[in-house]
């Protein structure tokens, strides 16, 4: 039994490695992955709206070249218009800037028919009251999208005078907003840029998790039942990253030596648990737990004793705990528990 602890730790590490490797791969393809993004909406004047989609940092250095990107776009679209290669009536235009400096302009002409209705896009357009003409700029080297919405193509000439660096400076006045918000809306009022609104997807939860399973404590098997009550803390994108709370479990022991169910002993554990989500995963959790054990019969080797251990969940059909049970007189035994969980969530 003493060899079980290093084996369990090795198993936890082995289970987490593939998911971390996948996360590294996703970082290299963030434009096609489901990585969380932040949105900054800039309203310079009626009929014109800018939308930035990227991963915000405290100083927004991601958008340091934003005004330069806008200038390149306006120059290239003017050149294409004069050459007669750009349909000025296009409702959607795409502009790509590669890290090597190459730029490409693509437009949907009047004969273009959208193959699939994008419900999320339509919902966003109606919610934000977006003007009908859209220009989508992909800064591939900086990993952000820059959407320009205007009411009339003639309004393109107006956006050259908009200093986006000054607009973003309004957001930088309160870095706490940048850190905690997934959406920031900036508006120009009386020649000054101000934050009009900001929001986030964060929703803390209260989770009740009943579970049933089997424990191997020392050399004895024991059926168990447990109830965990946890507060789940989310980041600003609504992704849980910490669970902490109270645990209650019961293990039953019986004497089968005479082929009869005798000497039933039930041991209850009252404990605390703290877990963190494994980086690069959505469901993998690892944590520490500890508890006080008490026998209902007020006797037996586990009565009035303590235990500490590690707990893991989300790596398969079963959750597992590995504990060290302290029996006193410097004596201890190991316990391994496999559990089938059930989950009930309450929004705080």
C-alpha atoms as a PDB file:
ATOM      1  CA  UNK A   1       0.000   0.000   0.000  1.00  0.00           C
ATOM      2  CA  UNK A   2       2.884   2.424   0.609  1.00  0.00           C
ATOM      3  CA  UNK A   3       3.677   2.392  -3.118  1.00  0.00           C
ATOM      4  CA  UNK A   4       0.240   3.663  -4.074  1.00  0.00           C
ATOM      5  CA  UNK A   5       0.943   7.346  -3.346  1.00  0.00           C
ATOM      6  CA  UNK A   6       3.764   7.842  -5.910  1.00  0.00           C
ATOM      7  CA  UNK A   7       1.787   5.774  -8.419  1.00  0.00           C
ATOM      8  CA  UNK A   8      -1.262   7.993  -7.976  1.00  0.00           C
ATOM      9  CA  UNK A   9       0.818  11.155  -8.349  1.00  0.00           C
ATOM     10  CA  UNK A  10       2.393   9.776 -11.520  1.00  0.00           C
ATOM     11  CA  UNK A  11      -1.069   8.943 -12.891  1.00  0.00           C
ATOM     12  CA  UNK A  12      -2.272  12.514 -12.271  1.00  0.00           C
ATOM     13  CA  UNK A  13       0.743  13.898 -14.146  1.00  0.00           C
ATOM     14  CA  UNK A  14       0.289  11.473 -17.033  1.00  0.00           C
ATOM     15  CA  UNK A  15      -3.373  12.381 -17.386  1.00  0.00           C
ATOM     16  CA  UNK A  16      -2.644  16.109 -17.543  1.00  0.00           C
ATOM     17  CA  UNK A  17       0.178  15.998 -20.116  1.00  0.00           C
ATOM     18  CA  UNK A  18      -1.872  15.334 -23.287  1.00  0.00           C
ATOM     19  CA  UNK A  19      -4.266  18.184 -22.554  1.00  0.00           C
ATOM     20  CA  UNK A  20      -1.420  20.622 -21.944  1.00  0.00           C
ATOM     21  CA  UNK A  21       0.181  19.617 -25.236  1.00  0.00           C
ATOM     22  CA  UNK A  22      -3.087  20.300 -27.009  1.00  0.00           C
ATOM     23  CA  UNK A  23      -3.267  23.728 -25.401  1.00  0.00           C
ATOM     24  CA  UNK A  24       0.153  24.661 -26.822  1.00  0.00           C
ATOM     25  CA  UNK A  25      -1.063  23.665 -30.270  1.00  0.00           C
ATOM     26  CA  UNK A  26      -4.187  25.773 -29.915  1.00  0.00           C
ATOM     27  CA  UNK A  27      -2.104  28.858 -29.085  1.00  0.00           C
ATOM     28  CA  UNK A  28      -0.462  28.586 -32.502  1.00  0.00           C
ATOM     29  CA  UNK A  29      -3.840  28.628 -34.285  1.00  0.00           C
ATOM     30  CA  UNK A  30      -5.798  31.081 -32.184  1.00  0.00           C
ATOM     31  CA  UNK A  31      -7.729  32.499 -35.159  1.00  0.00           C
ATOM     32  CA  UNK A  32      -9.349  29.104 -35.705  1.00  0.00           C
ATOM     33  CA  UNK A  33      -9.570  27.969 -32.080  1.00  0.00           C
ATOM     34  CA  UNK A  34     -12.179  28.649 -29.428  1.00  0.00           C
ATOM     35  CA  UNK A  35      -9.788  30.726 -27.354  1.00  0.00           C
ATOM     36  CA  UNK A  36     -11.533  33.380 -25.274  1.00  0.00           C
ATOM     37  CA  UNK A  37     -11.380  36.864 -26.741  1.00  0.00           C
ATOM     38  CA  UNK A  38     -12.163  40.366 -25.522  1.00  0.00           C
ATOM     39  CA  UNK A  39     -14.181  42.969 -27.411  1.00  0.00           C
ATOM     40  CA  UNK A  40     -13.645  46.733 -27.530  1.00  0.00           C
ATOM     41  CA  UNK A  41     -16.340  48.818 -29.245  1.00  0.00           C
ATOM     42  CA  UNK A  42     -15.445  52.359 -30.331  1.00  0.00           C
ATOM     43  CA  UNK A  43     -18.141  54.861 -31.364  1.00  0.00           C
ATOM     44  CA  UNK A  44     -16.500  57.971 -32.905  1.00  0.00           C
ATOM     45  CA  UNK A  45     -19.690  59.419 -34.442  1.00  0.00           C
ATOM     46  CA  UNK A  46     -23.206  58.376 -35.532  1.00  0.00           C
ATOM     47  CA  UNK A  47     -23.137  55.888 -38.397  1.00  0.00           C
ATOM     48  CA  UNK A  48     -19.574  54.711 -37.688  1.00  0.00           C
ATOM     49  CA  UNK A  49     -18.576  51.935 -35.315  1.00  0.00           C
ATOM     50  CA  UNK A  50     -15.275  50.110 -34.734  1.00  0.00           C
ATOM     51  CA  UNK A  51     -15.056  46.699 -33.072  1.00  0.00           C
ATOM     52  CA  UNK A  52     -11.769  45.169 -31.878  1.00  0.00           C
ATOM     53  CA  UNK A  53     -11.616  41.461 -31.067  1.00  0.00           C
ATOM     54  CA  UNK A  54      -8.478  40.162 -29.374  1.00  0.00           C
ATOM     55  CA  UNK A  55      -6.901  39.184 -26.080  1.00  0.00           C
ATOM     56  CA  UNK A  56      -6.689  42.301 -23.911  1.00  0.00           C
ATOM     57  CA  UNK A  57      -3.657  42.970 -21.737  1.00  0.00           C
ATOM     58  CA  UNK A  58      -3.264  45.642 -19.078  1.00  0.00           C
ATOM     59  CA  UNK A  59      -1.576  48.098 -21.443  1.00  0.00           C
ATOM     60  CA  UNK A  60      -3.398  47.014 -24.649  1.00  0.00           C
ATOM     61  CA  UNK A  61      -0.067  46.727 -26.497  1.00  0.00           C
ATOM     62  CA  UNK A  62      -1.847  44.332 -28.858  1.00  0.00           C
ATOM     63  CA  UNK A  63      -3.309  47.368 -30.643  1.00  0.00           C
ATOM     64  CA  UNK A  64      -0.199  49.561 -30.776  1.00  0.00           C
ATOM     65  CA  UNK A  65      -0.218  49.444 -34.597  1.00  0.00           C
ATOM     66  CA  UNK A  66      -3.976  49.954 -34.977  1.00  0.00           C
ATOM     67  CA  UNK A  67      -3.822  53.407 -36.585  1.00  0.00           C
ATOM     68  CA  UNK A  68      -1.134  52.171 -39.001  1.00  0.00           C
ATOM     69  CA  UNK A  69      -3.300  49.189 -39.944  1.00  0.00           C
ATOM     70  CA  UNK A  70      -6.228  51.540 -40.587  1.00  0.00           C
ATOM     71  CA  UNK A  71      -4.032  53.745 -42.779  1.00  0.00           C
ATOM     72  CA  UNK A  72      -2.821  50.754 -44.838  1.00  0.00           C
ATOM     73  CA  UNK A  73      -6.413  49.599 -45.293  1.00  0.00           C
ATOM     74  CA  UNK A  74      -7.665  52.997 -46.480  1.00  0.00           C
ATOM     75  CA  UNK A  75      -4.731  53.373 -48.889  1.00  0.00           C
ATOM     76  CA  UNK A  76      -5.183  49.913 -50.402  1.00  0.00           C
ATOM     77  CA  UNK A  77      -8.948  50.208 -50.770  1.00  0.00           C
ATOM     78  CA  UNK A  78      -8.549  53.619 -52.443  1.00  0.00           C
ATOM     79  CA  UNK A  79      -5.950  52.178 -54.838  1.00  0.00           C
ATOM     80  CA  UNK A  80      -8.214  49.235 -55.694  1.00  0.00           C
ATOM     81  CA  UNK A  81     -11.190  51.553 -56.221  1.00  0.00           C
ATOM     82  CA  UNK A  82      -9.265  53.785 -58.620  1.00  0.00           C
ATOM     83  CA  UNK A  83      -8.044  50.710 -60.505  1.00  0.00           C
ATOM     84  CA  UNK A  84     -11.621  49.454 -60.813  1.00  0.00           C
ATOM     85  CA  UNK A  85     -10.823  46.158 -59.055  1.00  0.00           C
ATOM     86  CA  UNK A  86     -12.902  46.810 -55.951  1.00  0.00           C
ATOM     87  CA  UNK A  87     -16.736  46.737 -55.942  1.00  0.00           C
ATOM     88  CA  UNK A  88     -17.621  49.797 -53.872  1.00  0.00           C
ATOM     89  CA  UNK A  89     -21.156  48.508 -53.266  1.00  0.00           C
ATOM     90  CA  UNK A  90     -19.894  45.399 -51.455  1.00  0.00           C
ATOM     91  CA  UNK A  91     -21.589  44.944 -48.078  1.00  0.00           C
ATOM     92  CA  UNK A  92     -18.721  42.842 -46.628  1.00  0.00           C
ATOM     93  CA  UNK A  93     -15.009  43.378 -47.293  1.00  0.00           C
ATOM     94  CA  UNK A  94     -12.061  41.385 -45.906  1.00  0.00           C
ATOM     95  CA  UNK A  95      -8.546  42.734 -45.488  1.00  0.00           C
ATOM     96  CA  UNK A  96      -5.600  40.572 -44.403  1.00  0.00           C
ATOM     97  CA  UNK A  97      -2.210  41.752 -43.159  1.00  0.00           C
ATOM     98  CA  UNK A  98       0.404  39.001 -42.948  1.00  0.00           C
ATOM     99  CA  UNK A  99       3.382  39.190 -40.527  1.00  0.00           C
ATOM    100  CA  UNK A 100       5.716  39.309 -43.564  1.00  0.00           C
ATOM    101  CA  UNK A 101       4.074  42.568 -44.696  1.00  0.00           C
ATOM    102  CA  UNK A 102       1.909  41.189 -47.502  1.00  0.00           C
ATOM    103  CA  UNK A 103      -1.635  42.542 -47.682  1.00  0.00           C
ATOM    104  CA  UNK A 104      -4.738  41.210 -49.411  1.00  0.00           C
ATOM    105  CA  UNK A 105      -8.163  42.771 -50.038  1.00  0.00           C
ATOM    106  CA  UNK A 106     -11.214  40.616 -50.777  1.00  0.00           C
ATOM    107  CA  UNK A 107     -14.824  41.722 -51.217  1.00  0.00           C
ATOM    108  CA  UNK A 108     -18.175  40.014 -51.589  1.00  0.00           C
ATOM    109  CA  UNK A 109     -19.829  41.278 -54.772  1.00  0.00           C
ATOM    110  CA  UNK A 110     -23.530  41.893 -55.360  1.00  0.00           C
ATOM    111  CA  UNK A 111     -24.080  38.342 -56.647  1.00  0.00           C
ATOM    112  CA  UNK A 112     -22.711  36.771 -53.465  1.00  0.00           C
ATOM    113  CA  UNK A 113     -25.245  34.705 -51.535  1.00  0.00           C
ATOM    114  CA  UNK A 114     -24.458  33.861 -47.931  1.00  0.00           C
ATOM    115  CA  UNK A 115     -24.426  30.004 -47.834  1.00  0.00           C
ATOM    116  CA  UNK A 116     -25.361  29.662 -44.170  1.00  0.00           C
ATOM    117  CA  UNK A 117     -27.256  32.006 -41.900  1.00  0.00           C
ATOM    118  CA  UNK A 118     -25.024  32.957 -38.976  1.00  0.00           C
ATOM    119  CA  UNK A 119     -27.492  33.451 -36.137  1.00  0.00           C
ATOM    120  CA  UNK A 120     -24.853  34.740 -33.699  1.00  0.00           C
ATOM    121  CA  UNK A 121     -23.690  37.315 -36.228  1.00  0.00           C
ATOM    122  CA  UNK A 122     -27.241  38.527 -36.846  1.00  0.00           C
ATOM    123  CA  UNK A 123     -27.906  38.699 -33.110  1.00  0.00           C
ATOM    124  CA  UNK A 124     -24.752  40.757 -32.565  1.00  0.00           C
ATOM    125  CA  UNK A 125     -25.660  43.065 -35.439  1.00  0.00           C
ATOM    126  CA  UNK A 126     -29.110  43.755 -34.022  1.00  0.00           C
ATOM    127  CA  UNK A 127     -27.929  44.078 -30.416  1.00  0.00           C
ATOM    128  CA  UNK A 128     -25.189  46.586 -31.266  1.00  0.00           C
ATOM    129  CA  UNK A 129     -27.238  48.321 -33.987  1.00  0.00           C
ATOM    130  CA  UNK A 130     -24.392  47.896 -36.458  1.00  0.00           C
ATOM    131  CA  UNK A 131     -24.392  49.952 -39.688  1.00  0.00           C
ATOM    132  CA  UNK A 132     -24.858  47.769 -42.816  1.00  0.00           C
ATOM    133  CA  UNK A 133     -21.427  48.043 -44.483  1.00  0.00           C
ATOM    134  CA  UNK A 134     -18.750  45.936 -42.804  1.00  0.00           C
ATOM    135  CA  UNK A 135     -14.977  45.864 -43.327  1.00  0.00           C
ATOM    136  CA  UNK A 136     -13.145  43.089 -41.463  1.00  0.00           C
ATOM    137  CA  UNK A 137      -9.404  43.496 -40.995  1.00  0.00           C
ATOM    138  CA  UNK A 138      -7.289  40.568 -39.793  1.00  0.00           C
ATOM    139  CA  UNK A 139      -3.944  41.602 -38.301  1.00  0.00           C
ATOM    140  CA  UNK A 140      -2.470  38.097 -38.430  1.00  0.00           C
ATOM    141  CA  UNK A 141       0.838  39.024 -36.823  1.00  0.00           C
ATOM    142  CA  UNK A 142      -0.825  40.704 -33.851  1.00  0.00           C
ATOM    143  CA  UNK A 143      -3.654  38.186 -33.529  1.00  0.00           C
ATOM    144  CA  UNK A 144      -6.650  40.514 -33.534  1.00  0.00           C
ATOM    145  CA  UNK A 145      -9.649  41.386 -35.695  1.00  0.00           C
ATOM    146  CA  UNK A 146     -10.621  44.964 -36.526  1.00  0.00           C
ATOM    147  CA  UNK A 147     -14.201  45.436 -37.729  1.00  0.00           C
ATOM    148  CA  UNK A 148     -15.308  48.715 -39.291  1.00  0.00           C
ATOM    149  CA  UNK A 149     -19.045  49.336 -39.672  1.00  0.00           C
ATOM    150  CA  UNK A 150     -20.332  52.349 -41.600  1.00  0.00           C
ATOM    151  CA  UNK A 151     -23.738  53.498 -42.799  1.00  0.00           C
ATOM    152  CA  UNK A 152     -22.554  54.497 -46.281  1.00  0.00           C
ATOM    153  CA  UNK A 153     -19.353  53.633 -48.231  1.00  0.00           C
ATOM    154  CA  UNK A 154     -18.734  57.366 -48.639  1.00  0.00           C
ATOM    155  CA  UNK A 155     -18.129  57.518 -44.876  1.00  0.00           C
ATOM    156  CA  UNK A 156     -14.814  55.674 -45.322  1.00  0.00           C
ATOM    157  CA  UNK A 157     -13.147  59.030 -45.866  1.00  0.00           C
ATOM    158  CA  UNK A 158     -14.291  60.137 -42.398  1.00  0.00           C
ATOM    159  CA  UNK A 159     -12.538  57.364 -40.476  1.00  0.00           C
ATOM    160  CA  UNK A 160      -9.053  58.501 -41.520  1.00  0.00           C
ATOM    161  CA  UNK A 161      -9.363  61.394 -39.063  1.00  0.00           C
ATOM    162  CA  UNK A 162     -10.237  59.122 -36.123  1.00  0.00           C
ATOM    163  CA  UNK A 163      -7.284  58.635 -33.774  1.00  0.00           C
ATOM    164  CA  UNK A 164      -7.836  55.168 -32.333  1.00  0.00           C
ATOM    165  CA  UNK A 165      -4.827  55.473 -30.039  1.00  0.00           C
ATOM    166  CA  UNK A 166      -6.581  58.315 -28.225  1.00  0.00           C
ATOM    167  CA  UNK A 167      -9.755  56.238 -27.969  1.00  0.00           C
ATOM    168  CA  UNK A 168      -7.912  53.316 -26.381  1.00  0.00           C
ATOM    169  CA  UNK A 169      -6.223  55.710 -23.964  1.00  0.00           C
ATOM    170  CA  UNK A 170      -9.638  56.207 -22.356  1.00  0.00           C
ATOM    171  CA  UNK A 171      -9.771  52.510 -21.513  1.00  0.00           C
ATOM    172  CA  UNK A 172      -6.240  52.633 -20.104  1.00  0.00           C
ATOM    173  CA  UNK A 173      -7.320  55.163 -17.485  1.00  0.00           C
ATOM    174  CA  UNK A 174      -8.779  52.297 -15.448  1.00  0.00           C
ATOM    175  CA  UNK A 175      -6.769  49.093 -15.915  1.00  0.00           C
ATOM    176  CA  UNK A 176      -9.072  47.287 -13.504  1.00  0.00           C
ATOM    177  CA  UNK A 177     -11.799  47.539 -16.141  1.00  0.00           C
ATOM    178  CA  UNK A 178      -9.486  46.021 -18.761  1.00  0.00           C
ATOM    179  CA  UNK A 179      -8.536  43.179 -16.437  1.00  0.00           C
ATOM    180  CA  UNK A 180     -12.088  42.309 -15.413  1.00  0.00           C
ATOM    181  CA  UNK A 181     -14.159  43.049 -18.547  1.00  0.00           C
ATOM    182  CA  UNK A 182     -14.722  41.020 -21.702  1.00  0.00           C
ATOM    183  CA  UNK A 183     -16.497  43.900 -23.448  1.00  0.00           C
ATOM    184  CA  UNK A 184     -15.643  47.612 -23.255  1.00  0.00           C
ATOM    185  CA  UNK A 185     -17.547  50.298 -25.149  1.00  0.00           C
ATOM    186  CA  UNK A 186     -15.872  53.674 -25.755  1.00  0.00           C
ATOM    187  CA  UNK A 187     -17.687  56.741 -27.046  1.00  0.00           C
ATOM    188  CA  UNK A 188     -16.648  60.234 -28.074  1.00  0.00           C
ATOM    189  CA  UNK A 189     -18.598  62.876 -26.156  1.00  0.00           C
ATOM    190  CA  UNK A 190     -17.841  66.603 -26.416  1.00  0.00           C
ATOM    191  CA  UNK A 191     -14.507  65.871 -28.104  1.00  0.00           C
ATOM    192  CA  UNK A 192     -13.464  63.523 -25.274  1.00  0.00           C
ATOM    193  CA  UNK A 193     -13.274  59.735 -25.287  1.00  0.00           C
ATOM    194  CA  UNK A 194     -15.051  58.081 -22.354  1.00  0.00           C
ATOM    195  CA  UNK A 195     -15.955  54.530 -21.362  1.00  0.00           C
ATOM    196  CA  UNK A 196     -19.672  54.218 -22.014  1.00  0.00           C
ATOM    197  CA  UNK A 197     -20.135  50.664 -20.754  1.00  0.00           C
ATOM    198  CA  UNK A 198     -18.266  47.506 -19.798  1.00  0.00           C
ATOM    199  CA  UNK A 199     -19.301  43.978 -18.882  1.00  0.00           C
ATOM    200  CA  UNK A 200     -18.005  40.462 -18.341  1.00  0.00           C
ATOM    201  CA  UNK A 201     -19.266  36.884 -18.516  1.00  0.00           C
ATOM    202  CA  UNK A 202     -18.237  36.021 -14.960  1.00  0.00           C
ATOM    203  CA  UNK A 203     -20.833  34.036 -12.971  1.00  0.00           C
ATOM    204  CA  UNK A 204     -19.862  32.430  -9.671  1.00  0.00           C
ATOM    205  CA  UNK A 205     -21.688  29.208  -8.877  1.00  0.00           C
ATOM    206  CA  UNK A 206     -22.640  27.102  -5.888  1.00  0.00           C
ATOM    207  CA  UNK A 207     -22.191  23.416  -6.688  1.00  0.00           C
ATOM    208  CA  UNK A 208     -23.662  20.429  -4.863  1.00  0.00           C
ATOM    209  CA  UNK A 209     -22.028  17.151  -5.871  1.00  0.00           C
ATOM    210  CA  UNK A 210     -23.392  13.851  -4.545  1.00  0.00           C
ATOM    211  CA  UNK A 211     -21.144  10.876  -5.272  1.00  0.00           C
ATOM    212  CA  UNK A 212     -21.100   7.128  -4.748  1.00  0.00           C
ATOM    213  CA  UNK A 213     -18.180   4.765  -5.001  1.00  0.00           C
ATOM    214  CA  UNK A 214     -15.769   2.343  -3.404  1.00  0.00           C
ATOM    215  CA  UNK A 215     -12.788   2.923  -1.114  1.00  0.00           C
ATOM    216  CA  UNK A 216      -9.757   0.802  -0.397  1.00  0.00           C
ATOM    217  CA  UNK A 217      -8.630   1.821   3.101  1.00  0.00           C
ATOM    218  CA  UNK A 218      -5.596  -0.040   4.259  1.00  0.00           C
ATOM    219  CA  UNK A 219      -6.414  -3.559   3.059  1.00  0.00           C
ATOM    220  CA  UNK A 220     -10.190  -3.293   3.459  1.00  0.00           C
ATOM    221  CA  UNK A 221     -12.802  -2.450   0.848  1.00  0.00           C
ATOM    222  CA  UNK A 222     -15.593  -0.087   1.832  1.00  0.00           C
ATOM    223  CA  UNK A 223     -18.606   1.308  -0.067  1.00  0.00           C
ATOM    224  CA  UNK A 224     -18.935   5.055   0.320  1.00  0.00           C
ATOM    225  CA  UNK A 225     -21.280   7.963  -0.305  1.00  0.00           C
ATOM    226  CA  UNK A 226     -20.352  11.642  -0.303  1.00  0.00           C
ATOM    227  CA  UNK A 227     -21.792  15.128  -0.620  1.00  0.00           C
ATOM    228  CA  UNK A 228     -19.617  18.082  -1.604  1.00  0.00           C
ATOM    229  CA  UNK A 229     -20.751  21.699  -1.394  1.00  0.00           C
ATOM    230  CA  UNK A 230     -18.426  24.045  -3.289  1.00  0.00           C
ATOM    231  CA  UNK A 231     -18.207  27.640  -4.395  1.00  0.00           C
ATOM    232  CA  UNK A 232     -16.941  27.812  -7.992  1.00  0.00           C
ATOM    233  CA  UNK A 233     -15.036  30.964  -8.907  1.00  0.00           C
ATOM    234  CA  UNK A 234     -14.979  31.923 -12.597  1.00  0.00           C
ATOM    235  CA  UNK A 235     -12.637  34.135 -14.571  1.00  0.00           C
ATOM    236  CA  UNK A 236     -14.042  37.022 -16.595  1.00  0.00           C
ATOM    237  CA  UNK A 237     -14.872  34.684 -19.494  1.00  0.00           C
ATOM    238  CA  UNK A 238     -17.080  32.517 -17.308  1.00  0.00           C
ATOM    239  CA  UNK A 239     -14.562  29.647 -17.149  1.00  0.00           C
ATOM    240  CA  UNK A 240     -14.282  28.090 -13.697  1.00  0.00           C
ATOM    241  CA  UNK A 241     -10.765  27.995 -12.266  1.00  0.00           C
ATOM    242  CA  UNK A 242     -11.168  27.460  -8.489  1.00  0.00           C
ATOM    243  CA  UNK A 243     -13.456  25.246  -6.411  1.00  0.00           C
ATOM    244  CA  UNK A 244     -13.445  25.330  -2.650  1.00  0.00           C
ATOM    245  CA  UNK A 245     -15.885  24.131  -0.055  1.00  0.00           C
ATOM    246  CA  UNK A 246     -17.065  21.523   2.430  1.00  0.00           C
ATOM    247  CA  UNK A 247     -17.166  17.758   2.060  1.00  0.00           C
ATOM    248  CA  UNK A 248     -19.079  15.069   3.902  1.00  0.00           C
ATOM    249  CA  UNK A 249     -18.660  11.353   3.280  1.00  0.00           C
ATOM    250  CA  UNK A 250     -19.497   8.055   4.945  1.00  0.00           C
ATOM    251  CA  UNK A 251     -17.723   4.718   4.645  1.00  0.00           C
ATOM    252  CA  UNK A 252     -19.204   1.474   5.890  1.00  0.00           C
ATOM    253  CA  UNK A 253     -17.239  -1.520   7.153  1.00  0.00           C
ATOM    254  CA  UNK A 254     -18.553  -4.959   8.053  1.00  0.00           C
ATOM    255  CA  UNK A 255     -17.149  -8.307   9.182  1.00  0.00           C
ATOM    256  CA  UNK A 256     -17.603 -10.990   6.519  1.00  0.00           C
ATOM    257  CA  UNK A 257     -15.275 -13.539   8.090  1.00  0.00           C
ATOM    258  CA  UNK A 258     -18.164 -15.738   9.220  1.00  0.00           C
ATOM    259  CA  UNK A 259     -19.990 -15.236   5.893  1.00  0.00           C
ATOM    260  CA  UNK A 260     -22.500 -13.084   7.731  1.00  0.00           C
ATOM    261  CA  UNK A 261     -23.035  -9.344   7.700  1.00  0.00           C
ATOM    262  CA  UNK A 262     -21.940  -8.466  11.259  1.00  0.00           C
ATOM    263  CA  UNK A 263     -20.148  -5.739  13.201  1.00  0.00           C
ATOM    264  CA  UNK A 264     -21.269  -2.921  10.902  1.00  0.00           C
ATOM    265  CA  UNK A 265     -19.241   0.217  11.484  1.00  0.00           C
ATOM    266  CA  UNK A 266     -19.944   3.526   9.733  1.00  0.00           C
ATOM    267  CA  UNK A 267     -17.244   6.203   9.635  1.00  0.00           C
ATOM    268  CA  UNK A 268     -18.134   9.779   8.692  1.00  0.00           C
ATOM    269  CA  UNK A 269     -15.613  12.336   7.442  1.00  0.00           C
ATOM    270  CA  UNK A 270     -16.108  16.095   7.715  1.00  0.00           C
ATOM    271  CA  UNK A 271     -13.657  17.896   5.497  1.00  0.00           C
ATOM    272  CA  UNK A 272     -12.458  20.858   3.478  1.00  0.00           C
ATOM    273  CA  UNK A 273     -11.370  20.813  -0.154  1.00  0.00           C
ATOM    274  CA  UNK A 274      -9.562  23.217  -2.474  1.00  0.00           C
ATOM    275  CA  UNK A 275      -9.247  22.491  -6.206  1.00  0.00           C
ATOM    276  CA  UNK A 276      -7.847  24.261  -9.258  1.00  0.00           C
ATOM    277  CA  UNK A 277      -8.563  23.554 -12.899  1.00  0.00           C
ATOM    278  CA  UNK A 278      -5.670  21.931 -14.744  1.00  0.00           C
ATOM    279  CA  UNK A 279      -4.245  24.393 -17.274  1.00  0.00           C
ATOM    280  CA  UNK A 280      -5.321  23.678 -20.839  1.00  0.00           C
ATOM    281  CA  UNK A 281      -8.390  21.647 -19.870  1.00  0.00           C
ATOM    282  CA  UNK A 282     -12.076  22.438 -19.404  1.00  0.00           C
ATOM    283  CA  UNK A 283     -12.968  19.575 -17.067  1.00  0.00           C
ATOM    284  CA  UNK A 284      -9.733  18.468 -15.389  1.00  0.00           C
ATOM    285  CA  UNK A 285      -9.339  19.443 -11.736  1.00  0.00           C
ATOM    286  CA  UNK A 286      -6.684  18.692  -9.106  1.00  0.00           C
ATOM    287  CA  UNK A 287      -6.716  19.699  -5.472  1.00  0.00           C
ATOM    288  CA  UNK A 288      -5.993  19.112  -1.809  1.00  0.00           C
ATOM    289  CA  UNK A 289      -8.370  17.974   0.894  1.00  0.00           C
ATOM    290  CA  UNK A 290      -8.359  17.211   4.578  1.00  0.00           C
ATOM    291  CA  UNK A 291     -10.872  15.991   7.097  1.00  0.00           C
ATOM    292  CA  UNK A 292     -11.809  14.726  10.513  1.00  0.00           C
ATOM    293  CA  UNK A 293     -13.091  11.131  10.818  1.00  0.00           C
ATOM    294  CA  UNK A 294     -15.621   9.974  13.369  1.00  0.00           C
ATOM    295  CA  UNK A 295     -17.168   6.529  13.851  1.00  0.00           C
ATOM    296  CA  UNK A 296     -20.893   6.397  14.600  1.00  0.00           C
ATOM    297  CA  UNK A 297     -20.106   3.559  17.021  1.00  0.00           C
ATOM    298  CA  UNK A 298     -17.438   5.751  18.657  1.00  0.00           C
ATOM    299  CA  UNK A 299     -14.883   3.003  18.358  1.00  0.00           C
ATOM    300  CA  UNK A 300     -12.522   1.452  15.853  1.00  0.00           C
ATOM    301  CA  UNK A 301      -9.144   2.479  14.427  1.00  0.00           C
ATOM    302  CA  UNK A 302     -10.614   5.354  12.366  1.00  0.00           C
ATOM    303  CA  UNK A 303     -12.596   6.995  15.160  1.00  0.00           C
ATOM    304  CA  UNK A 304     -11.472  10.509  16.124  1.00  0.00           C
ATOM    305  CA  UNK A 305      -8.713  10.560  13.492  1.00  0.00           C
ATOM    306  CA  UNK A 306      -7.590  12.895  10.695  1.00  0.00           C
ATOM    307  CA  UNK A 307      -6.664  12.486   7.057  1.00  0.00           C
ATOM    308  CA  UNK A 308      -5.201  14.584   4.227  1.00  0.00           C
ATOM    309  CA  UNK A 309      -4.887  13.830   0.559  1.00  0.00           C
ATOM    310  CA  UNK A 310      -5.188  14.777  -3.087  1.00  0.00           C
ATOM    311  CA  UNK A 311      -8.335  14.716  -5.182  1.00  0.00           C
ATOM    312  CA  UNK A 312      -8.832  14.664  -8.944  1.00  0.00           C
ATOM    313  CA  UNK A 313     -11.856  14.890 -11.212  1.00  0.00           C
ATOM    314  CA  UNK A 314     -12.676  15.290 -14.867  1.00  0.00           C
ATOM    315  CA  UNK A 315     -10.082  12.857 -16.227  1.00  0.00           C
ATOM    316  CA  UNK A 316     -12.553  10.100 -17.040  1.00  0.00           C
ATOM    317  CA  UNK A 317     -15.768   8.499 -15.864  1.00  0.00           C
ATOM    318  CA  UNK A 318     -14.555   8.330 -12.253  1.00  0.00           C
ATOM    319  CA  UNK A 319     -13.208  10.879  -9.800  1.00  0.00           C
ATOM    320  CA  UNK A 320     -10.564   9.665  -7.395  1.00  0.00           C
ATOM    321  CA  UNK A 321      -9.117  10.587  -4.007  1.00  0.00           C
ATOM    322  CA  UNK A 322      -5.854   9.446  -2.500  1.00  0.00           C
ATOM    323  CA  UNK A 323      -5.549  10.017   1.253  1.00  0.00           C
ATOM    324  CA  UNK A 324      -3.157   9.444   4.114  1.00  0.00           C
ATOM    325  CA  UNK A 325      -5.051   8.488   7.293  1.00  0.00           C
ATOM    326  CA  UNK A 326      -3.258   9.212  10.554  1.00  0.00           C
ATOM    327  CA  UNK A 327      -4.021   6.595  13.228  1.00  0.00           C
ATOM    328  CA  UNK A 328      -1.847   8.005  16.004  1.00  0.00           C
ATOM    329  CA  UNK A 329       1.476   6.876  17.482  1.00  0.00           C
ATOM    330  CA  UNK A 330       3.132   7.858  14.177  1.00  0.00           C
ATOM    331  CA  UNK A 331       1.128   5.160  12.401  1.00  0.00           C
ATOM    332  CA  UNK A 332      -0.704   5.842   9.150  1.00  0.00           C
ATOM    333  CA  UNK A 333      -2.388   3.977   6.303  1.00  0.00           C
ATOM    334  CA  UNK A 334      -3.349   4.910   2.760  1.00  0.00           C
ATOM    335  CA  UNK A 335      -6.795   5.168   1.244  1.00  0.00           C
ATOM    336  CA  UNK A 336      -7.828   5.173  -2.422  1.00  0.00           C
ATOM    337  CA  UNK A 337     -11.382   6.050  -3.459  1.00  0.00           C
ATOM    338  CA  UNK A 338     -13.087   5.850  -6.858  1.00  0.00           C
ATOM    339  CA  UNK A 339     -16.310   7.852  -7.164  1.00  0.00           C
ATOM    340  CA  UNK A 340     -19.122   8.307  -9.669  1.00  0.00           C
ATOM    341  CA  UNK A 341     -20.217  11.974  -9.299  1.00  0.00           C
ATOM    342  CA  UNK A 342     -23.514  13.725  -9.908  1.00  0.00           C
ATOM    343  CA  UNK A 343     -23.695  17.503 -10.236  1.00  0.00           C
ATOM    344  CA  UNK A 344     -26.251  20.127  -9.244  1.00  0.00           C
ATOM    345  CA  UNK A 345     -25.383  23.801  -9.838  1.00  0.00           C
ATOM    346  CA  UNK A 346     -26.917  26.972  -8.380  1.00  0.00           C
ATOM    347  CA  UNK A 347     -26.080  30.419  -9.824  1.00  0.00           C
ATOM    348  CA  UNK A 348     -25.084  32.950  -7.161  1.00  0.00           C
END
